[in-house]
Amino acid sequence: MTALLAAEALAVGHGQRVVAAGIGFTLGAGQVLCLLGPNGGGKTTLLRTLLGLIPPLAGRVRVGGQALAALTRREVARHLAYVPQAAPGGFAYPARDVVAMGRAALLSFLAVPGPRDHALAEAALDRLGIAHLAARPVTELSGGERQLVLIARALVQEAACLVLDEPTASLDFGNQALVLRQVRALAAQQGFGVLMTTHHPDHAFLVADAAMMLHGGAIAGPLPPADLITPQLLRAAYGVDSVIGMIATPHGPRPVCAPLVAPRPAA
């Protein structure tokens, strides 16, 4: 099976400064790979390198079995779709128009979306269960709804691999669950490969097939989340003690992670 996205002996950084090295992984269809790590650990630099926005300092990136460096930006867009963190919209565009903007990378210069592009936008909204939001201005949507609109915008690129930068950042508990449910469905039910950064080990336990931890200039993993995410690794990466235990759910037992915090003094 051809990997949708792969890194081989990759080193990333800025200029001559290496941020992280020795990075290697493959992401296939139907898989979710979570990238964890502390702030400043190099996650964003790695994502920008994987997307071809900055060159690697060593090693190489492959998309769809081809060397990323040999592809044009239009060709990259046919393989990889990027979903940034949701932010308050500055313009009150209807959700369907924001989604249709995802076709821009595939259109010729100065072309505007046509009937097929708009049909794909409507289909992407429906696929994510937000067709009822099509006419709503994005400025009036909740954070979770806005994040799903951005994911729908990525889907209309018709790329096989989605790269999500902290898709649950700044979302409340319910909206986090909403987005995570759709991330898992996109991989498990629709066959997308998903690379997702997160600050929450529990999110990797919930949706990921494999996880990596980037810190201290090196990477741990990829490994199954239950094998990678340990109190020892979390202590090394974040400088905090934590506990990992199992809880019962309607879908079977699963691990959860919590930091160890001194109890509040009794009144």
Protein backbone atom coordinates (compact mmCIF):
# COMPACT_ATOMS: atom_id res chain seq x y z
CA MET A 1 0.00 0.00 0.00
CA THR A 2 1.37 3.41 -1.00
CA ALA A 3 1.74 5.78 1.92
CA LEU A 4 -0.32 8.95 1.59
CA LEU A 5 2.31 10.86 3.55
CA ALA A 6 5.75 9.76 4.69
CA ALA A 7 8.84 11.28 6.28
CA GLU A 8 12.24 9.66 5.87
CA ALA A 9 15.15 10.60 8.20
CA LEU A 10 13.68 14.10 8.24
CA ALA A 11 15.30 17.08 9.96
CA VAL A 12 13.34 20.32 10.24
CA GLY A 13 14.23 23.84 11.32
CA HIS A 14 14.92 27.38 10.22
CA GLY A 15 18.01 28.39 8.26
CA GLN A 16 20.83 26.35 9.75
CA ARG A 17 19.09 25.85 13.10
CA VAL A 18 17.79 22.31 13.51
CA VAL A 19 14.59 22.14 15.57
CA ALA A 20 14.10 18.37 15.36
CA ALA A 21 15.78 15.51 13.52
CA GLY A 22 15.46 11.79 12.94
CA ILE A 23 11.77 12.01 12.08
CA GLY A 24 10.28 9.07 10.24
CA PHE A 25 6.72 7.84 9.78
CA THR A 26 4.21 6.66 7.20
CA LEU A 27 0.51 7.48 7.09
CA GLY A 28 -1.85 5.30 5.13
CA ALA A 29 -5.48 5.46 4.10
CA GLY A 30 -7.94 5.12 6.97
CA GLN A 31 -5.35 5.97 9.62
CA VAL A 32 -5.19 8.77 12.18
CA LEU A 33 -1.73 9.78 13.39
CA CYS A 34 -1.55 12.21 16.33
CA LEU A 35 1.46 14.45 16.86
CA LEU A 36 1.95 15.63 20.44
CA GLY A 37 4.59 17.85 22.01
CA PRO A 38 5.11 20.93 24.16
CA ASN A 39 4.88 24.48 22.90
CA GLY A 40 8.03 25.38 21.01
CA GLY A 41 8.87 21.73 20.46
CA GLY A 42 8.71 21.94 16.67
CA LYS A 43 5.21 20.71 15.78
CA THR A 44 4.38 23.72 13.61
CA THR A 45 7.80 23.64 11.93
CA LEU A 46 7.27 19.96 11.14
CA LEU A 47 3.80 20.61 9.70
CA ARG A 48 5.11 23.44 7.52
CA THR A 49 7.85 21.15 6.24
CA LEU A 50 5.42 18.34 5.48
CA LEU A 51 3.22 20.78 3.57
CA GLY A 52 6.19 22.00 1.51
CA LEU A 53 6.08 25.53 2.90
CA ILE A 54 9.66 25.34 4.19
CA PRO A 55 12.39 22.97 2.94
CA PRO A 56 13.70 20.12 5.08
CA LEU A 57 17.22 20.43 6.45
CA ALA A 58 17.81 16.73 5.82
CA GLY A 59 15.85 13.70 4.67
CA ARG A 60 12.76 13.91 2.54
CA VAL A 61 8.97 13.96 2.49
CA ARG A 62 6.88 11.81 0.18
CA VAL A 63 3.22 12.31 -0.67
CA GLY A 64 1.34 9.65 -2.58
CA GLY A 65 4.64 7.87 -3.14
CA GLN A 66 6.23 10.90 -4.84
CA ALA A 67 8.95 13.20 -3.57
CA LEU A 68 7.33 16.36 -2.23
CA ALA A 69 10.19 18.49 -3.55
CA ALA A 70 9.38 17.42 -7.13
CA LEU A 71 5.73 18.50 -6.99
CA THR A 72 4.15 21.82 -7.89
CA ARG A 73 1.91 23.56 -5.35
CA ARG A 74 -1.13 22.49 -7.37
CA GLU A 75 0.03 18.88 -7.31
CA VAL A 76 0.64 19.07 -3.55
CA ALA A 77 -2.93 20.36 -3.11
CA ARG A 78 -4.22 17.23 -4.86
CA HIS A 79 -2.57 15.07 -2.19
CA LEU A 80 -2.65 17.14 1.01
CA ALA A 81 -5.39 19.37 2.44
CA TYR A 82 -4.52 21.60 5.40
CA VAL A 83 -6.96 22.53 8.16
CA PRO A 84 -5.76 25.40 10.38
CA GLN A 85 -7.02 26.19 13.83
CA ALA A 86 -10.44 27.82 13.70
CA ALA A 87 -10.34 31.56 14.28
CA PRO A 88 -13.07 34.19 14.40
CA GLY A 89 -14.01 35.01 10.83
CA GLY A 90 -13.36 38.57 9.72
CA PHE A 91 -15.95 38.45 6.94
CA ALA A 92 -19.49 37.17 7.19
CA TYR A 93 -19.31 34.78 4.25
CA PRO A 94 -21.95 32.03 4.17
CA ALA A 95 -20.52 28.67 5.20
CA ARG A 96 -21.11 27.21 1.72
CA ASP A 97 -18.95 29.95 0.17
CA VAL A 98 -16.13 29.37 2.64
CA VAL A 99 -16.22 25.66 1.80
CA ALA A 100 -16.20 26.36 -1.94
CA MET A 101 -13.01 28.40 -1.44
CA GLY A 102 -11.25 25.08 -0.96
CA ARG A 103 -11.51 24.52 -4.70
CA ALA A 104 -9.30 27.56 -5.42
CA ALA A 105 -6.08 25.52 -5.37
CA LEU A 106 -7.42 23.35 -8.20
CA LEU A 107 -8.84 26.07 -10.44
CA SER A 108 -7.00 27.91 -13.17
CA PHE A 109 -5.81 31.47 -12.58
CA LEU A 110 -8.69 33.95 -12.07
CA ALA A 111 -11.28 31.16 -12.47
CA VAL A 112 -14.28 31.13 -10.15
CA PRO A 113 -15.99 28.05 -8.71
CA GLY A 114 -18.51 26.51 -11.09
CA PRO A 115 -21.54 24.25 -10.60
CA ARG A 116 -19.44 21.16 -9.86
CA ASP A 117 -17.38 23.07 -7.29
CA HIS A 118 -20.51 24.29 -5.52
CA ALA A 119 -22.00 20.79 -5.63
CA LEU A 120 -18.86 19.42 -3.98
CA ALA A 121 -19.13 22.10 -1.30
CA GLU A 122 -22.72 21.17 -0.52
CA ALA A 123 -21.76 17.48 -0.44
CA ALA A 124 -18.90 18.17 2.00
CA LEU A 125 -21.22 20.07 4.34
CA ASP A 126 -23.67 17.18 4.21
CA ARG A 127 -20.91 14.61 4.79
CA LEU A 128 -19.99 16.36 8.06
CA GLY A 129 -23.60 16.74 9.15
CA ILE A 130 -23.66 20.54 8.87
CA ALA A 131 -25.68 21.03 5.67
CA HIS A 132 -28.17 23.05 7.73
CA LEU A 133 -25.44 25.66 8.28
CA ALA A 134 -24.80 26.27 4.57
CA ALA A 135 -26.42 29.71 4.45
CA ARG A 136 -25.24 30.84 7.90
CA PRO A 137 -22.47 33.46 8.07
CA VAL A 138 -19.36 31.88 9.55
CA THR A 139 -19.14 34.76 12.02
CA GLU A 140 -22.33 33.46 13.63
CA LEU A 141 -21.15 29.86 14.06
CA SER A 142 -19.81 28.26 17.22
CA GLY A 143 -16.15 27.35 17.39
CA GLY A 144 -16.88 23.70 16.72
CA GLU A 145 -19.17 24.48 13.80
CA ARG A 146 -16.56 26.81 12.32
CA GLN A 147 -13.91 24.10 12.67
CA LEU A 148 -16.15 21.64 10.80
CA VAL A 149 -16.60 24.23 8.04
CA LEU A 150 -12.81 24.42 7.70
CA ILE A 151 -12.63 20.62 7.52
CA ALA A 152 -15.34 20.66 4.83
CA ARG A 153 -13.28 23.25 2.94
CA ALA A 154 -10.37 20.82 3.00
CA LEU A 155 -12.54 17.94 1.80
CA VAL A 156 -13.48 19.71 -1.43
CA GLN A 157 -9.81 19.65 -2.48
CA GLU A 158 -10.43 15.93 -3.03
CA ALA A 159 -7.08 15.16 -1.40
CA ALA A 160 -6.63 11.78 0.27
CA CYS A 161 -4.71 13.14 3.27
CA LEU A 162 -5.82 15.77 5.78
CA VAL A 163 -3.34 17.70 7.95
CA LEU A 164 -5.09 19.24 10.97
CA ASP A 165 -3.34 21.76 13.22
CA GLU A 166 -4.81 21.43 16.72
CA PRO A 167 -8.40 21.10 15.47
CA THR A 168 -9.81 21.23 19.03
CA ALA A 169 -7.83 24.25 20.23
CA SER A 170 -9.96 26.79 22.14
CA LEU A 171 -13.09 24.64 21.79
CA ASP A 172 -15.35 23.78 24.70
CA PHE A 173 -15.88 20.19 25.84
CA GLY A 174 -18.88 19.53 23.61
CA ASN A 175 -17.33 21.03 20.50
CA GLN A 176 -14.12 19.06 21.08
CA ALA A 177 -16.16 15.86 21.07
CA LEU A 178 -17.99 17.01 17.92
CA VAL A 179 -14.76 17.57 15.99
CA LEU A 180 -13.04 14.41 17.28
CA ARG A 181 -16.04 12.30 16.28
CA GLN A 182 -15.80 13.62 12.73
CA VAL A 183 -12.02 13.14 12.57
CA ARG A 184 -12.41 9.48 13.49
CA ALA A 185 -15.28 9.04 11.01
CA LEU A 186 -13.32 10.59 8.15
CA ALA A 187 -10.61 7.98 8.61
CA ALA A 188 -12.54 4.91 9.71
CA GLN A 189 -15.59 5.29 7.47
CA GLN A 190 -14.33 7.32 4.53
CA GLY A 191 -10.72 6.24 4.21
CA PHE A 192 -8.88 9.52 4.64
CA GLY A 193 -5.42 9.60 6.14
CA VAL A 194 -5.34 12.16 8.96
CA LEU A 195 -2.30 13.76 10.61
CA MET A 196 -3.47 15.76 13.60
CA THR A 197 -1.54 17.80 16.17
CA THR A 198 -2.91 18.07 19.68
CA HIS A 199 -1.89 19.05 23.21
CA HIS A 200 -4.22 16.46 24.76
CA PRO A 201 -2.99 12.88 25.23
CA ASP A 202 -6.61 11.82 25.76
CA HIS A 203 -7.44 12.90 22.22
CA ALA A 204 -4.81 10.53 20.89
CA PHE A 205 -6.31 7.73 23.00
CA LEU A 206 -9.74 8.55 21.55
CA VAL A 207 -9.08 8.80 17.82
CA ALA A 208 -5.54 7.81 16.85
CA ASP A 209 -4.17 4.59 15.41
CA ALA A 210 -0.65 5.81 16.20
CA ALA A 211 0.97 8.74 17.98
CA MET A 212 4.29 10.58 18.03
CA MET A 213 5.81 12.88 20.65
CA LEU A 214 8.12 15.66 19.44
CA HIS A 215 10.31 17.24 22.12
CA GLY A 216 13.91 18.03 22.87
CA GLY A 217 14.86 17.96 19.21
CA ALA A 218 13.86 14.34 18.75
CA ILE A 219 10.76 12.28 18.11
CA ALA A 220 9.34 9.27 19.92
CA GLY A 221 7.14 6.93 17.94
CA PRO A 222 5.08 6.41 15.96
CA LEU A 223 3.57 3.80 18.23
CA PRO A 224 0.06 2.84 19.30
CA PRO A 225 -1.05 5.59 21.70
CA ALA A 226 -1.25 3.21 24.67
CA ASP A 227 2.37 2.18 24.08
CA LEU A 228 3.73 5.68 23.46
CA ILE A 229 1.92 7.81 26.03
CA THR A 230 3.34 6.92 29.43
CA PRO A 231 3.86 8.92 32.64
CA GLN A 232 7.61 8.77 31.99
CA LEU A 233 7.35 10.28 28.51
CA LEU A 234 4.88 12.94 29.63
CA ARG A 235 7.25 13.89 32.45
CA ALA A 236 10.16 14.19 30.02
CA ALA A 237 8.16 16.20 27.46
CA TYR A 238 6.03 18.46 29.67
CA GLY A 239 7.79 18.43 33.04
CA VAL A 240 4.70 17.27 34.92
CA ASP A 241 3.78 14.08 36.71
CA SER A 242 0.68 12.32 35.48
CA VAL A 243 -1.36 9.19 35.93
CA ILE A 244 -2.84 6.97 33.23
CA GLY A 245 -5.69 4.63 34.05
CA MET A 246 -8.47 2.68 32.40
CA ILE A 247 -12.13 3.59 32.48
CA ALA A 248 -15.19 1.63 31.36
CA THR A 249 -17.23 3.04 28.48
CA PRO A 250 -20.19 1.68 26.47
CA HIS A 251 -17.63 0.85 23.76
CA GLY A 252 -15.25 -0.98 26.09
CA PRO A 253 -12.40 0.10 28.37
CA ARG A 254 -10.10 2.89 27.28
CA PRO A 255 -7.14 4.74 28.82
CA VAL A 256 -7.38 8.27 30.18
CA CYS A 257 -4.63 10.64 31.28
CA ALA A 258 -4.62 13.26 34.03
CA PRO A 259 -1.88 15.47 35.52
CA LEU A 260 -1.07 14.98 39.17
CA VAL A 261 -2.08 18.13 41.01
CA ALA A 262 -1.98 18.59 44.76
CA PRO A 263 -5.50 18.50 46.23
CA ARG A 264 -7.10 21.75 47.30
CA PRO A 265 -6.58 22.34 51.03
CA ALA A 266 -9.60 21.57 53.17
CA ALA A 267 -11.53 24.59 54.32
